C-alpha atoms as a PDB file:
ATOM      1  CA  MET A   1       6.383  10.650  -7.949  1.00  0.00           C
ATOM      2  CA  THR A   2       7.060  11.489  -4.464  1.00  0.00           C
ATOM      3  CA  ALA A   3      11.179  12.394  -4.694  1.00  0.00           C
ATOM      4  CA  ASN A   4      10.389  16.209  -5.305  1.00  0.00           C
ATOM      5  CA  SER A   5       8.011  16.298  -1.327  1.00  0.00           C
ATOM      6  CA  PRO A   6       9.610  19.540   0.584  1.00  0.00           C
ATOM      7  CA  VAL A   7      12.240  18.147   2.859  1.00  0.00           C
ATOM      8  CA  PRO A   8      10.561  19.191   6.424  1.00  0.00           C
ATOM      9  CA  PRO A   9      13.378  20.772   8.329  1.00  0.00           C
ATOM     10  CA  ALA A  10      15.691  19.214  11.039  1.00  0.00           C
ATOM     11  CA  ALA A  11      14.176  19.354  14.610  1.00  0.00           C
ATOM     12  CA  PRO A  12      16.306  21.065  17.073  1.00  0.00           C
ATOM     13  CA  GLN A  13      18.373  19.209  20.116  1.00  0.00           C
ATOM     14  CA  ALA A  14      15.940  21.096  22.246  1.00  0.00           C
ATOM     15  CA  CYS A  15      13.545  18.830  21.262  1.00  0.00           C
ATOM     16  CA  GLY A  16      15.719  16.214  23.087  1.00  0.00           C
ATOM     17  CA  PRO A  17      16.808  13.218  20.882  1.00  0.00           C
ATOM     18  CA  VAL A  18      14.971  10.168  20.468  1.00  0.00           C
ATOM     19  CA  GLY A  19      15.506   6.958  22.757  1.00  0.00           C
ATOM     20  CA  ARG A  20      14.840   3.180  20.681  1.00  0.00           C
ATOM     21  CA  ASP A  21      14.661  -0.281  21.359  1.00  0.00           C
ATOM     22  CA  ASP A  22      16.816  -3.084  20.101  1.00  0.00           C
ATOM     23  CA  ALA A  23      14.429  -3.397  16.680  1.00  0.00           C
ATOM     24  CA  GLY A  24      14.520   0.339  16.108  1.00  0.00           C
ATOM     25  CA  ARG A  25      11.341   1.388  17.567  1.00  0.00           C
ATOM     26  CA  ALA A  26      10.885   5.074  19.464  1.00  0.00           C
ATOM     27  CA  SER A  27      10.679   4.337  23.125  1.00  0.00           C
ATOM     28  CA  GLU A  28       6.950   5.137  24.808  1.00  0.00           C
ATOM     29  CA  ALA A  29       8.231   7.829  26.260  1.00  0.00           C
ATOM     30  CA  ASP A  30       9.931   9.633  23.136  1.00  0.00           C
ATOM     31  CA  ARG A  31       7.833   8.825  20.815  1.00  0.00           C
ATOM     32  CA  ARG A  32       5.476  11.770  20.825  1.00  0.00           C
ATOM     33  CA  ARG A  33       8.561  13.646  19.736  1.00  0.00           C
ATOM     34  CA  ILE A  34       8.895  12.080  16.380  1.00  0.00           C
ATOM     35  CA  GLY A  35       7.863  14.584  13.871  1.00  0.00           C
ATOM     36  CA  ARG A  36       7.837  17.428  16.214  1.00  0.00           C
ATOM     37  CA  ARG A  37       9.901  20.698  14.342  1.00  0.00           C
ATOM     38  CA  ALA A  38      11.273  23.178  16.142  1.00  0.00           C
ATOM     39  CA  GLU A  39       8.597  24.132  18.136  1.00  0.00           C
ATOM     40  CA  CYS A  40       7.781  20.479  19.033  1.00  0.00           C
ATOM     41  CA  GLY A  41       4.180  21.610  18.549  1.00  0.00           C
ATOM     42  CA  THR A  42       3.931  19.850  14.870  1.00  0.00           C
ATOM     43  CA  PHE A  43       4.169  16.564  13.413  1.00  0.00           C
ATOM     44  CA  PHE A  44       7.215  16.373  11.248  1.00  0.00           C
ATOM     45  CA  VAL A  45       9.526  13.186  11.227  1.00  0.00           C
ATOM     46  CA  GLU A  46      12.152  14.256  13.081  1.00  0.00           C
ATOM     47  CA  ARG A  47      15.718  13.436  11.422  1.00  0.00           C
ATOM     48  CA  VAL A  48      16.622  10.405  14.003  1.00  0.00           C
ATOM     49  CA  ALA A  49      18.044   6.665  11.906  1.00  0.00           C
ATOM     50  CA  LEU A  50      14.365   4.536  11.445  1.00  0.00           C
ATOM     51  CA  GLU A  51      15.001   0.498   9.962  1.00  0.00           C
ATOM     52  CA  PHE A  52      12.028  -0.513   7.959  1.00  0.00           C
ATOM     53  CA  SER A  53      10.772  -4.297   8.130  1.00  0.00           C
ATOM     54  CA  THR A  54       8.402  -6.292   5.990  1.00  0.00           C
ATOM     55  CA  GLY A  55       5.474  -6.119   7.586  1.00  0.00           C
ATOM     56  CA  GLN A  56       5.766  -2.731   9.846  1.00  0.00           C
ATOM     57  CA  VAL A  57       3.017   0.164   9.186  1.00  0.00           C
ATOM     58  CA  VAL A  58       4.197   3.232   8.159  1.00  0.00           C
ATOM     59  CA  VAL A  59       2.514   6.840   6.712  1.00  0.00           C
ATOM     60  CA  HIS A  60       3.556   8.172   3.590  1.00  0.00           C
ATOM     61  CA  PRO A  61       3.150  11.812   3.516  1.00  0.00           C
ATOM     62  CA  HIS A  62       1.157  11.677   0.108  1.00  0.00           C
ATOM     63  CA  HIS A  63      -0.828   8.043   0.914  1.00  0.00           C
ATOM     64  CA  GLY A  64      -1.295   7.719   4.080  1.00  0.00           C
ATOM     65  CA  PRO A  65      -0.891   4.293   6.274  1.00  0.00           C
ATOM     66  CA  ALA A  66       0.841   1.610   4.490  1.00  0.00           C
ATOM     67  CA  THR A  67       2.666  -1.592   5.024  1.00  0.00           C
ATOM     68  CA  VAL A  68       6.209  -2.876   4.328  1.00  0.00           C
ATOM     69  CA  LYS A  69       6.116  -5.428   1.592  1.00  0.00           C
ATOM     70  CA  LYS A  70       9.120  -5.956   1.066  1.00  0.00           C
ATOM     71  CA  THR A  71      13.186  -4.211   0.700  1.00  0.00           C
ATOM     72  CA  PHE A  72      14.371  -4.771  -2.687  1.00  0.00           C
ATOM     73  CA  SER A  73      17.735  -3.410  -4.576  1.00  0.00           C
ATOM     74  CA  ARG A  74      17.536  -1.775  -7.574  1.00  0.00           C
ATOM     75  CA  SER A  75      20.395  -0.537 -10.382  1.00  0.00           C
ATOM     76  CA  ILE A  76      19.987   3.461 -11.325  1.00  0.00           C
ATOM     77  CA  ARG A  77      22.685   4.354 -13.195  1.00  0.00           C
ATOM     78  CA  GLY A  78      25.159   1.497 -12.512  1.00  0.00           C
ATOM     79  CA  GLU A  79      24.434   2.373  -8.443  1.00  0.00           C
ATOM     80  CA  ARG A  80      22.498  -0.562  -6.759  1.00  0.00           C
ATOM     81  CA  ARG A  81      20.017   1.769  -4.767  1.00  0.00           C
ATOM     82  CA  LYS A  82      17.699  -0.558  -1.353  1.00  0.00           C
ATOM     83  CA  TYR A  83      13.725   0.265  -1.640  1.00  0.00           C
ATOM     84  CA  LEU A  84      11.135  -0.300   0.092  1.00  0.00           C
ATOM     85  CA  ARG A  85       7.946  -1.487  -1.472  1.00  0.00           C
ATOM     86  CA  LEU A  86       4.530  -0.233   0.448  1.00  0.00           C
ATOM     87  CA  GLN A  87       1.331  -1.467  -0.093  1.00  0.00           C
ATOM     88  CA  VAL A  88      -0.762   1.949   0.614  1.00  0.00           C
ATOM     89  CA  HIS A  89      -4.140   0.873   3.291  1.00  0.00           C
ATOM     90  CA  HIS A  90      -7.035   2.768   1.629  1.00  0.00           C
ATOM     91  CA  ASP A  91      -6.636   2.616  -2.160  1.00  0.00           C
ATOM     92  CA  ASP A  92      -5.127  -0.432  -4.650  1.00  0.00           C
ATOM     93  CA  LEU A  93      -1.874   1.125  -4.732  1.00  0.00           C
ATOM     94  CA  GLN A  94       2.028   0.219  -4.254  1.00  0.00           C
ATOM     95  CA  VAL A  95       4.795   2.931  -4.317  1.00  0.00           C
ATOM     96  CA  ALA A  96       8.606   2.490  -3.898  1.00  0.00           C
ATOM     97  CA  VAL A  97      10.536   4.402  -1.684  1.00  0.00           C
ATOM     98  CA  PRO A  98      14.227   4.667  -1.689  1.00  0.00           C
ATOM     99  CA  VAL A  99      15.480   3.627   1.864  1.00  0.00           C
ATOM    100  CA  GLU A 100      18.055   6.221   2.432  1.00  0.00           C
ATOM    101  CA  THR A 101      15.831   9.231   1.477  1.00  0.00           C
ATOM    102  CA  ALA A 102      12.817   7.898   3.316  1.00  0.00           C
ATOM    103  CA  GLU A 103      12.583   9.787   6.232  1.00  0.00           C
ATOM    104  CA  GLU A 104      13.495  13.310   3.902  1.00  0.00           C
ATOM    105  CA  ILE A 105      10.794  12.343   1.660  1.00  0.00           C
ATOM    106  CA  GLY A 106       8.483  11.996   5.082  1.00  0.00           C
ATOM    107  CA  VAL A 107       7.878   8.449   5.739  1.00  0.00           C
ATOM    108  CA  ARG A 108       7.347   8.070   9.608  1.00  0.00           C
ATOM    109  CA  PRO A 109       5.495   6.106  12.089  1.00  0.00           C
ATOM    110  CA  THR A 110       1.717   6.838  12.991  1.00  0.00           C
ATOM    111  CA  ILE A 111       1.086   9.413  15.589  1.00  0.00           C
ATOM    112  CA  ASP A 112      -0.634   8.518  18.933  1.00  0.00           C
ATOM    113  CA  LEU A 113      -3.362   8.980  20.657  1.00  0.00           C
ATOM    114  CA  ASP A 114      -2.283  12.154  22.430  1.00  0.00           C
ATOM    115  CA  GLU A 115      -1.416  13.433  18.758  1.00  0.00           C
ATOM    116  CA  VAL A 116      -4.816  12.576  17.710  1.00  0.00           C
ATOM    117  CA  ARG A 117      -6.783  14.476  20.526  1.00  0.00           C
ATOM    118  CA  GLU A 118      -4.299  17.135  19.402  1.00  0.00           C
ATOM    119  CA  ILE A 119      -5.113  16.961  15.949  1.00  0.00           C
ATOM    120  CA  PHE A 120      -9.557  17.206  17.054  1.00  0.00           C
ATOM    121  CA  ASP A 121      -8.750  20.415  19.360  1.00  0.00           C
ATOM    122  CA  VAL A 122      -7.597  21.456  15.977  1.00  0.00           C
ATOM    123  CA  LEU A 123     -10.793  20.893  13.831  1.00  0.00           C
ATOM    124  CA  LEU A 124     -12.869  22.226  16.744  1.00  0.00           C
ATOM    125  CA  GLU A 125     -11.052  25.589  16.552  1.00  0.00           C
ATOM    126  CA  ALA A 126     -12.812  28.781  14.536  1.00  0.00           C
ATOM    127  CA  SER A 127     -11.637  28.460  10.570  1.00  0.00           C
ATOM    128  CA  GLU A 128      -8.602  30.694   9.510  1.00  0.00           C
ATOM    129  CA  LYS A 129      -9.309  33.892   7.849  1.00  0.00           C
ATOM    130  CA  GLN A 130      -9.308  33.060   3.799  1.00  0.00           C
ATOM    131  CA  GLU A 131      -8.038  34.659   0.689  1.00  0.00           C
ATOM    132  CA  LYS A 132     -10.626  36.482  -1.046  1.00  0.00           C
ATOM    133  CA  VAL A 133      -8.808  35.548  -4.884  1.00  0.00           C
ATOM    134  CA  TRP A 134      -9.806  32.569  -5.539  1.00  0.00           C
ATOM    135  CA  SER A 135      -6.379  32.205  -7.159  1.00  0.00           C
ATOM    136  CA  ARG A 136      -4.875  33.053  -4.081  1.00  0.00           C
ATOM    137  CA  ARG A 137      -6.756  30.808  -2.456  1.00  0.00           C
ATOM    138  CA  ILE A 138      -6.095  27.679  -3.745  1.00  0.00           C
ATOM    139  CA  LYS A 139      -2.290  28.416  -4.161  1.00  0.00           C
ATOM    140  CA  SER A 140      -2.076  29.335  -0.398  1.00  0.00           C
ATOM    141  CA  ASN A 141      -4.076  25.779   0.554  1.00  0.00           C
ATOM    142  CA  ALA A 142      -2.323  23.805  -1.689  1.00  0.00           C
ATOM    143  CA  GLU A 143       0.712  24.571   0.564  1.00  0.00           C
ATOM    144  CA  ARG A 144      -0.770  23.628   3.089  1.00  0.00           C
ATOM    145  CA  LEU A 145      -1.495  20.384   2.010  1.00  0.00           C
ATOM    146  CA  ARG A 146       2.299  20.012   1.097  1.00  0.00           C
ATOM    147  CA  THR A 147       3.911  20.445   4.652  1.00  0.00           C
ATOM    148  CA  GLY A 148       3.015  17.412   5.756  1.00  0.00           C
ATOM    149  CA  ASP A 149       2.092  18.548   8.717  1.00  0.00           C
ATOM    150  CA  LEU A 150      -0.532  16.803  10.150  1.00  0.00           C
ATOM    151  CA  LYS A 151      -2.320  20.202  11.997  1.00  0.00           C
ATOM    152  CA  VAL A 152      -2.141  21.701   9.386  1.00  0.00           C
ATOM    153  CA  ILE A 153      -3.514  19.310   6.864  1.00  0.00           C
ATOM    154  CA  ALA A 154      -6.105  19.235   9.815  1.00  0.00           C
ATOM    155  CA  SER A 155      -7.063  23.209   9.590  1.00  0.00           C
ATOM    156  CA  LEU A 156      -7.177  23.328   6.025  1.00  0.00           C
ATOM    157  CA  ILE A 157      -9.728  19.941   6.212  1.00  0.00           C
ATOM    158  CA  ARG A 158     -11.899  22.098   8.912  1.00  0.00           C
ATOM    159  CA  ASP A 159     -11.700  25.395   6.559  1.00  0.00           C
ATOM    160  CA  LEU A 160     -12.441  23.721   3.221  1.00  0.00           C
ATOM    161  CA  THR A 161     -15.192  21.321   5.338  1.00  0.00           C
ATOM    162  CA  ARG A 162     -16.637  24.802   6.687  1.00  0.00           C
ATOM    163  CA  GLN A 163     -16.722  26.792   3.085  1.00  0.00           C
ATOM    164  CA  ASN A 164     -18.285  23.886   1.635  1.00  0.00           C
ATOM    165  CA  GLU A 165     -21.408  23.333   3.995  1.00  0.00           C
ATOM    166  CA  GLU A 166     -21.747  27.322   3.325  1.00  0.00           C
ATOM    167  CA  LYS A 167     -21.837  27.125  -0.648  1.00  0.00           C
ATOM    168  CA  ARG A 168     -20.507  24.491  -2.413  1.00  0.00           C
ATOM    169  CA  LEU A 169     -16.419  24.542  -3.502  1.00  0.00           C
ATOM    170  CA  ALA A 170     -15.526  25.039  -6.781  1.00  0.00           C
ATOM    171  CA  PHE A 171     -13.708  21.730  -8.506  1.00  0.00           C
ATOM    172  CA  GLY A 172     -10.158  22.454  -7.420  1.00  0.00           C
ATOM    173  CA  GLU A 173     -10.563  23.252  -3.856  1.00  0.00           C
ATOM    174  CA  MET A 174     -12.652  19.905  -3.981  1.00  0.00           C
ATOM    175  CA  LYS A 175     -10.267  17.909  -4.991  1.00  0.00           C
ATOM    176  CA  LEU A 176      -8.050  19.961  -2.695  1.00  0.00           C
ATOM    177  CA  LEU A 177      -9.921  18.671   0.094  1.00  0.00           C
ATOM    178  CA  ARG A 178     -10.732  15.010  -0.755  1.00  0.00           C
ATOM    179  CA  ASP A 179      -6.723  14.735  -1.484  1.00  0.00           C
ATOM    180  CA  ALA A 180      -6.104  16.123   1.889  1.00  0.00           C
ATOM    181  CA  SER A 181      -8.801  13.761   3.257  1.00  0.00           C
ATOM    182  CA  GLY A 182      -8.555  10.525   2.125  1.00  0.00           C
ATOM    183  CA  PRO A 183      -4.561   9.713   4.192  1.00  0.00           C
ATOM    184  CA  PHE A 184      -5.418  12.186   7.055  1.00  0.00           C
ATOM    185  CA  VAL A 185      -8.606   9.811   7.717  1.00  0.00           C
ATOM    186  CA  ALA A 186      -6.935   6.840   7.342  1.00  0.00           C
ATOM    187  CA  GLU A 187      -4.683   7.341   9.674  1.00  0.00           C
ATOM    188  CA  LEU A 188      -7.062   8.512  12.227  1.00  0.00           C
ATOM    189  CA  ALA A 189      -8.783   5.046  11.917  1.00  0.00           C
ATOM    190  CA  LEU A 190      -5.502   3.240  11.884  1.00  0.00           C
ATOM    191  CA  VAL A 191      -4.797   4.548  15.029  1.00  0.00           C
ATOM    192  CA  LEU A 192      -8.429   4.757  16.774  1.00  0.00           C
ATOM    193  CA  GLY A 193      -9.052   1.049  15.667  1.00  0.00           C
ATOM    194  CA  LYS A 194     -12.497   2.385  13.607  1.00  0.00           C
ATOM    195  CA  ASP A 195     -13.823   2.310  10.242  1.00  0.00           C
ATOM    196  CA  VAL A 196     -12.965   5.188   7.533  1.00  0.00           C
ATOM    197  CA  GLU A 197     -16.918   5.880   7.516  1.00  0.00           C
ATOM    198  CA  GLU A 198     -16.700   6.228  11.731  1.00  0.00           C
ATOM    199  CA  VAL A 199     -13.942   8.332  11.930  1.00  0.00           C
ATOM    200  CA  THR A 200     -15.020  10.667   9.236  1.00  0.00           C
ATOM    201  CA  GLU A 201     -18.290  11.253  10.780  1.00  0.00           C
ATOM    202  CA  MET A 202     -16.523  12.279  14.274  1.00  0.00           C
ATOM    203  CA  VAL A 203     -14.071  14.391  11.812  1.00  0.00           C
ATOM    204  CA  ASN A 204     -17.154  15.812  10.353  1.00  0.00           C
ATOM    205  CA  ALA A 205     -19.441  16.518  13.402  1.00  0.00           C
ATOM    206  CA  ALA A 206     -15.987  17.988  15.228  1.00  0.00           C
ATOM    207  CA  ILE A 207     -15.189  20.776  12.524  1.00  0.00           C
ATOM    208  CA  LEU A 208     -19.420  21.450  11.308  1.00  0.00           C
ATOM    209  CA  GLU A 209     -20.944  20.549  15.077  1.00  0.00           C
ATOM    210  CA  ASN A 210     -18.257  21.364  17.385  1.00  0.00           C
ATOM    211  CA  VAL A 211     -18.596  17.409  18.866  1.00  0.00           C
ATOM    212  CA  SER A 212     -15.776  16.237  20.660  1.00  0.00           C
ATOM    213  CA  PRO A 213     -14.906  12.902  20.236  1.00  0.00           C
ATOM    214  CA  GLU A 214     -14.768  10.066  23.062  1.00  0.00           C
ATOM    215  CA  LEU A 215     -11.083   8.714  22.716  1.00  0.00           C
ATOM    216  CA  PRO A 216      -9.693   6.068  24.349  1.00  0.00           C
ATOM    217  CA  ASP A 217      -7.353   7.114  27.188  1.00  0.00           C
ATOM    218  CA  ALA A 218      -3.746   6.894  26.091  1.00  0.00           C
ATOM    219  CA  LYS A 219      -2.578   5.094  29.154  1.00  0.00           C
ATOM    220  CA  LEU A 220      -5.262   2.195  28.755  1.00  0.00           C
ATOM    221  CA  ALA A 221      -4.714   2.160  25.438  1.00  0.00           C
ATOM    222  CA  THR A 222      -1.295   1.564  25.345  1.00  0.00           C
ATOM    223  CA  ALA A 223      -1.031  -1.156  28.789  1.00  0.00           C
ATOM    224  CA  SER A 224      -3.879  -2.594  26.546  1.00  0.00           C
END
């Protein structure tokens, strides 16, 4: 379950407060700051109150995009707690998340087009130097996945994909690549309005062929 997932640190005041409308949604100007931590350059959930409603699309840190199917209450040791039931998009799976700890677990809004551009910039960058000892390398890469930081996860997918192209990855690293890629590609597909197969090709082209994808203009997409 996700209760043991690491909790990202609160974003500092220097990043600015996130303005919200009456429905609890972030304003257009401030939405880009949602999920950014100290340097306002990575995608963690900022500690601001999110309101959840049935039909809302959010992102679970381990399962990717999901729709809020309903909220319900459950008694745990005599204490009533409110939960979200999330229907995961890319899998036939439902996940229950306590409302009061949803943000700490890492449930957040989807990224926007500007952030998608930043993600593809990471995919186009040179690979990081990898630890040669397998046990240390797999531990380091697993820690990269657990951060929940989309830029770090993008760099992990980039590095493992290139390594697999040169020499087939061992089982543990291949599983790590699959676990990282599923939710990652599903969120990009949702934001771009494309299917998973097409986005997978875009990601692989950026990583292996240094091809920068044509992305819609953020302002035009917002206007439409």
